[in-house]
N, C-alpha and C. Protein backbone atom coordinates (compact mmCIF):
# COMPACT_ATOMS: atom_id res chain seq x y z
N UNK A 1 66.19 14.70 -45.62
CA UNK A 1 65.91 13.34 -46.19
C UNK A 1 66.72 12.33 -44.97
N UNK A 2 65.41 11.23 -44.77
CA UNK A 2 65.40 10.54 -44.10
C UNK A 2 66.65 9.20 -44.35
N UNK A 3 67.06 8.64 -43.53
CA UNK A 3 67.74 6.93 -44.19
C UNK A 3 66.57 6.20 -44.17
N UNK A 4 66.45 5.29 -44.97
CA UNK A 4 65.46 4.15 -45.24
C UNK A 4 65.19 3.24 -43.93
N UNK A 5 64.29 2.86 -43.89
CA UNK A 5 64.07 1.94 -42.38
C UNK A 5 64.93 0.56 -42.72
N UNK A 6 65.54 -0.01 -41.59
CA UNK A 6 66.07 -0.93 -41.60
C UNK A 6 65.25 -2.55 -41.64
N UNK A 7 65.34 -3.53 -42.22
CA UNK A 7 64.32 -4.35 -42.10
C UNK A 7 64.44 -5.60 -40.94
N UNK A 8 63.41 -5.63 -40.06
CA UNK A 8 64.12 -6.72 -39.12
C UNK A 8 63.99 -7.97 -39.73
N UNK A 9 64.91 -8.54 -39.36
CA UNK A 9 65.19 -10.21 -39.53
C UNK A 9 65.01 -10.75 -38.84
N UNK A 10 63.96 -11.74 -38.32
CA UNK A 10 63.36 -12.52 -37.39
C UNK A 10 64.33 -13.61 -36.82
N UNK A 11 64.34 -13.98 -35.38
CA UNK A 11 65.67 -14.73 -35.16
C UNK A 11 65.23 -16.23 -35.88
N UNK A 12 66.65 -16.57 -35.96
CA UNK A 12 66.00 -18.36 -36.37
C UNK A 12 65.43 -19.04 -35.41
N UNK A 13 64.64 -20.15 -35.52
CA UNK A 13 64.06 -20.90 -35.13
C UNK A 13 65.07 -22.17 -34.86
N UNK A 14 64.88 -22.44 -33.45
CA UNK A 14 65.90 -23.45 -32.86
C UNK A 14 65.55 -25.19 -33.11
N UNK A 15 66.05 -25.81 -34.23
CA UNK A 15 65.77 -27.00 -34.70
C UNK A 15 65.61 -28.01 -33.81
N UNK A 16 66.47 -27.92 -32.47
CA UNK A 16 66.14 -28.87 -31.67
C UNK A 16 64.67 -29.05 -30.51
N UNK A 17 64.23 -27.49 -30.65
CA UNK A 17 62.64 -27.53 -29.83
C UNK A 17 61.85 -28.56 -30.63
N UNK A 18 61.60 -28.67 -31.81
CA UNK A 18 60.88 -29.71 -32.48
C UNK A 18 61.07 -30.84 -32.13
N UNK A 19 62.41 -31.50 -32.05
CA UNK A 19 63.04 -33.37 -31.55
C UNK A 19 62.81 -33.15 -30.08
N UNK A 20 62.87 -32.48 -29.39
CA UNK A 20 62.82 -32.56 -28.21
C UNK A 20 61.36 -32.59 -27.47
N UNK A 21 60.51 -31.89 -28.50
CA UNK A 21 58.91 -32.11 -27.74
C UNK A 21 58.65 -33.50 -28.39
N UNK A 22 58.93 -34.02 -29.87
CA UNK A 22 58.40 -35.23 -30.14
C UNK A 22 59.23 -36.37 -29.26
N UNK A 23 60.18 -36.03 -29.19
CA UNK A 23 60.74 -37.42 -28.33
C UNK A 23 59.96 -36.93 -26.37
N UNK A 24 59.44 -35.99 -25.67
CA UNK A 24 58.56 -35.99 -24.90
C UNK A 24 57.22 -36.86 -25.09
N UNK A 25 56.52 -36.60 -25.78
CA UNK A 25 55.42 -36.89 -26.13
C UNK A 25 55.62 -38.74 -26.40
N UNK A 26 54.89 -39.38 -25.11
CA UNK A 26 54.77 -40.82 -24.79
C UNK A 26 53.43 -41.44 -25.18
N UNK A 27 53.48 -42.35 -25.75
CA UNK A 27 52.35 -43.29 -25.71
C UNK A 27 50.85 -42.69 -24.59
N UNK A 28 49.64 -42.42 -25.51
CA UNK A 28 48.44 -42.02 -24.80
C UNK A 28 47.63 -43.42 -24.20
N UNK A 29 47.45 -42.68 -22.42
CA UNK A 29 46.89 -43.43 -22.21
C UNK A 29 45.30 -43.45 -22.39
N UNK A 30 44.27 -44.16 -21.40
CA UNK A 30 42.97 -44.31 -21.92
C UNK A 30 42.57 -43.39 -20.65
N UNK A 31 41.58 -42.65 -20.93
CA UNK A 31 41.44 -41.62 -20.30
C UNK A 31 40.50 -41.74 -18.91
N UNK A 32 40.77 -41.12 -18.07
CA UNK A 32 40.40 -41.40 -16.21
C UNK A 32 38.50 -42.18 -16.32
N UNK A 33 38.52 -41.75 -17.05
CA UNK A 33 36.41 -41.76 -16.87
C UNK A 33 36.34 -43.48 -17.48
N UNK A 34 37.40 -43.87 -18.44
CA UNK A 34 37.13 -45.27 -18.85
C UNK A 34 37.94 -46.06 -18.10
N UNK A 35 38.94 -45.41 -17.40
CA UNK A 35 39.29 -46.68 -16.34
C UNK A 35 38.74 -46.90 -14.84
N UNK A 36 37.83 -45.84 -14.89
CA UNK A 36 36.92 -45.55 -13.67
C UNK A 36 35.59 -46.91 -14.10
N UNK A 37 35.14 -46.87 -15.23
CA UNK A 37 34.33 -47.79 -15.92
C UNK A 37 34.73 -49.15 -16.02
N UNK A 38 35.79 -49.24 -16.20
CA UNK A 38 36.30 -50.72 -16.39
C UNK A 38 36.43 -51.26 -14.86
N UNK A 39 37.33 -50.65 -13.97
CA UNK A 39 37.30 -51.03 -12.48
C UNK A 39 36.03 -51.53 -12.11
N UNK A 40 34.70 -50.89 -12.32
CA UNK A 40 33.54 -50.98 -11.73
C UNK A 40 32.58 -52.02 -12.40
N UNK A 41 33.14 -52.26 -13.63
CA UNK A 41 32.59 -53.52 -14.50
C UNK A 41 33.88 -54.75 -13.70
N UNK A 42 35.19 -54.63 -13.48
CA UNK A 42 35.93 -55.59 -12.76
C UNK A 42 35.18 -56.10 -11.33
N UNK A 43 34.81 -55.06 -10.41
CA UNK A 43 34.33 -55.11 -9.28
C UNK A 43 32.83 -55.84 -9.54
N UNK A 44 31.62 -55.43 -10.28
CA UNK A 44 30.76 -56.25 -10.50
C UNK A 44 30.71 -57.33 -10.65
N UNK A 45 31.76 -57.98 -11.67
CA UNK A 45 32.02 -59.27 -11.98
C UNK A 45 32.51 -60.11 -10.51
N UNK A 46 33.18 -59.73 -9.96
CA UNK A 46 33.97 -60.22 -8.82
C UNK A 46 32.64 -60.35 -8.07
N UNK A 47 32.16 -59.17 -7.71
CA UNK A 47 31.28 -59.34 -6.35
C UNK A 47 30.01 -60.48 -7.22
N UNK A 48 29.64 -60.59 -8.66
CA UNK A 48 28.91 -61.80 -8.60
C UNK A 48 29.21 -63.18 -8.78
N UNK A 49 30.29 -63.27 -8.80
CA UNK A 49 30.85 -64.25 -8.75
C UNK A 49 30.74 -65.28 -7.53
N UNK A 50 31.19 -64.14 -6.25
CA UNK A 50 30.77 -64.96 -5.00
C UNK A 50 29.30 -65.36 -4.63
């Protein structure tokens, strides 16, 4: 008769990983396309003033 198989216990998760990931996240900036559009509008305004 074979001995019963051992159940594998999963490794415990590192509790510091979630905290570190939250700290790393900063404020979201505007996308590059929005910044380009803003620059384009400002340039048009400056050229119109002259």
